[in-house]
Amino acid sequence: MDKDILIKVVTEKMPYGKYKGRLLCDLPEPYLVWYHAKGFPKSKLGDRLNTMYEIKLNGLEYLLEPIKQKV
């Protein structure tokens, strides 16, 4: 996994939709599950949303805590 993606998911905000303005790492899991079923965009944002989906699906949110404290 690319370390830069982890930094981006804790610093970037959702640019549109119901959760516009919310940090990607703070998006609710049901929203990420819905997006996964719909298909993530073919873009860097889609890669980051997919990363958050995998992190939340596998209960790995604790991995983001040290990164959140540094940024």
C-alpha atoms as a PDB file:
ATOM      1  CA  MET A   1       0.000   0.000   0.000  1.00  0.00           C
ATOM      2  CA  ASP A   2       1.202   3.470  -0.881  1.00  0.00           C
ATOM      3  CA  LYS A   3       1.892   5.610   2.193  1.00  0.00           C
ATOM      4  CA  ASP A   4       0.837   8.726   0.276  1.00  0.00           C
ATOM      5  CA  ILE A   5      -2.673   7.329  -0.174  1.00  0.00           C
ATOM      6  CA  LEU A   6      -3.011   6.969   3.600  1.00  0.00           C
ATOM      7  CA  ILE A   7      -1.936  10.576   4.070  1.00  0.00           C
ATOM      8  CA  LYS A   8      -4.446  11.693   1.441  1.00  0.00           C
ATOM      9  CA  VAL A   9      -7.393   9.839   3.022  1.00  0.00           C
ATOM     10  CA  VAL A  10      -6.819  11.623   6.337  1.00  0.00           C
ATOM     11  CA  THR A  11      -6.344  15.076   4.792  1.00  0.00           C
ATOM     12  CA  GLU A  12      -8.636  15.220   1.746  1.00  0.00           C
ATOM     13  CA  LYS A  13     -12.311  16.032   1.891  1.00  0.00           C
ATOM     14  CA  MET A  14     -15.087  14.528  -0.171  1.00  0.00           C
ATOM     15  CA  PRO A  15     -15.571  16.992  -3.038  1.00  0.00           C
ATOM     16  CA  TYR A  16     -19.266  16.343  -3.773  1.00  0.00           C
ATOM     17  CA  GLY A  17     -22.451  14.596  -2.751  1.00  0.00           C
ATOM     18  CA  LYS A  18     -24.151  13.990   0.547  1.00  0.00           C
ATOM     19  CA  TYR A  19     -20.859  13.984   2.451  1.00  0.00           C
ATOM     20  CA  LYS A  20     -19.236  16.924   0.665  1.00  0.00           C
ATOM     21  CA  GLY A  21     -16.622  18.520   2.912  1.00  0.00           C
ATOM     22  CA  ARG A  22     -16.138  15.461   5.152  1.00  0.00           C
ATOM     23  CA  LEU A  23     -12.674  13.921   5.402  1.00  0.00           C
ATOM     24  CA  LEU A  24     -12.433  10.711   3.395  1.00  0.00           C
ATOM     25  CA  CYS A  25     -11.365   8.820   6.527  1.00  0.00           C
ATOM     26  CA  ASP A  26     -14.557   9.971   8.264  1.00  0.00           C
ATOM     27  CA  LEU A  27     -16.982   8.753   5.612  1.00  0.00           C
ATOM     28  CA  PRO A  28     -19.476   6.253   7.053  1.00  0.00           C
ATOM     29  CA  GLU A  29     -18.931   2.621   6.178  1.00  0.00           C
ATOM     30  CA  PRO A  30     -22.433   2.167   4.665  1.00  0.00           C
ATOM     31  CA  TYR A  31     -21.643   4.959   2.185  1.00  0.00           C
ATOM     32  CA  LEU A  32     -18.405   3.260   1.179  1.00  0.00           C
ATOM     33  CA  VAL A  33     -20.216  -0.083   0.827  1.00  0.00           C
ATOM     34  CA  TRP A  34     -22.818   1.586  -1.394  1.00  0.00           C
ATOM     35  CA  TYR A  35     -20.082   3.179  -3.499  1.00  0.00           C
ATOM     36  CA  HIS A  36     -18.287  -0.176  -3.767  1.00  0.00           C
ATOM     37  CA  ALA A  37     -21.457  -1.803  -5.098  1.00  0.00           C
ATOM     38  CA  LYS A  38     -22.035   1.092  -7.517  1.00  0.00           C
ATOM     39  CA  GLY A  39     -18.402   1.226  -8.594  1.00  0.00           C
ATOM     40  CA  PHE A  40     -15.788   3.704  -7.482  1.00  0.00           C
ATOM     41  CA  PRO A  41     -14.815   6.428  -9.957  1.00  0.00           C
ATOM     42  CA  LYS A  42     -11.830   5.652 -12.189  1.00  0.00           C
ATOM     43  CA  SER A  43      -9.677   8.361 -10.646  1.00  0.00           C
ATOM     44  CA  LYS A  44      -7.387   9.126  -7.740  1.00  0.00           C
ATOM     45  CA  LEU A  45     -10.466   9.873  -5.652  1.00  0.00           C
ATOM     46  CA  GLY A  46     -11.853   6.456  -6.545  1.00  0.00           C
ATOM     47  CA  ASP A  47      -8.582   4.833  -5.475  1.00  0.00           C
ATOM     48  CA  ARG A  48      -8.740   6.672  -2.159  1.00  0.00           C
ATOM     49  CA  LEU A  49     -12.378   5.756  -1.578  1.00  0.00           C
ATOM     50  CA  ASN A  50     -11.565   2.126  -2.342  1.00  0.00           C
ATOM     51  CA  THR A  51      -8.665   2.281   0.115  1.00  0.00           C
ATOM     52  CA  MET A  52     -11.006   3.581   2.831  1.00  0.00           C
ATOM     53  CA  TYR A  53     -13.520   0.873   1.966  1.00  0.00           C
ATOM     54  CA  GLU A  54     -10.865  -1.818   2.448  1.00  0.00           C
ATOM     55  CA  ILE A  55      -9.597  -0.236   5.678  1.00  0.00           C
ATOM     56  CA  LYS A  56     -13.074  -0.040   7.201  1.00  0.00           C
ATOM     57  CA  LEU A  57     -14.140  -3.448   5.884  1.00  0.00           C
ATOM     58  CA  ASN A  58     -11.162  -5.061   7.602  1.00  0.00           C
ATOM     59  CA  GLY A  59     -11.325  -3.014  10.820  1.00  0.00           C
ATOM     60  CA  LEU A  60      -7.977  -1.305  10.214  1.00  0.00           C
ATOM     61  CA  GLU A  61      -8.962   2.277  11.091  1.00  0.00           C
ATOM     62  CA  TYR A  62      -6.419   2.214  13.911  1.00  0.00           C
ATOM     63  CA  LEU A  63      -3.677   2.345  11.276  1.00  0.00           C
ATOM     64  CA  LEU A  64      -4.744   5.887  10.420  1.00  0.00           C
ATOM     65  CA  GLU A  65      -4.457   7.252  13.965  1.00  0.00           C
ATOM     66  CA  PRO A  66      -0.660   7.854  13.921  1.00  0.00           C
ATOM     67  CA  ILE A  67      -1.013   9.593  10.561  1.00  0.00           C
ATOM     68  CA  LYS A  68      -3.848  11.793  11.837  1.00  0.00           C
ATOM     69  CA  GLN A  69      -1.701  12.884  14.778  1.00  0.00           C
ATOM     70  CA  LYS A  70       1.209  13.894  12.508  1.00  0.00           C
ATOM     71  CA  VAL A  71      -0.783  15.977  10.022  1.00  0.00           C
END
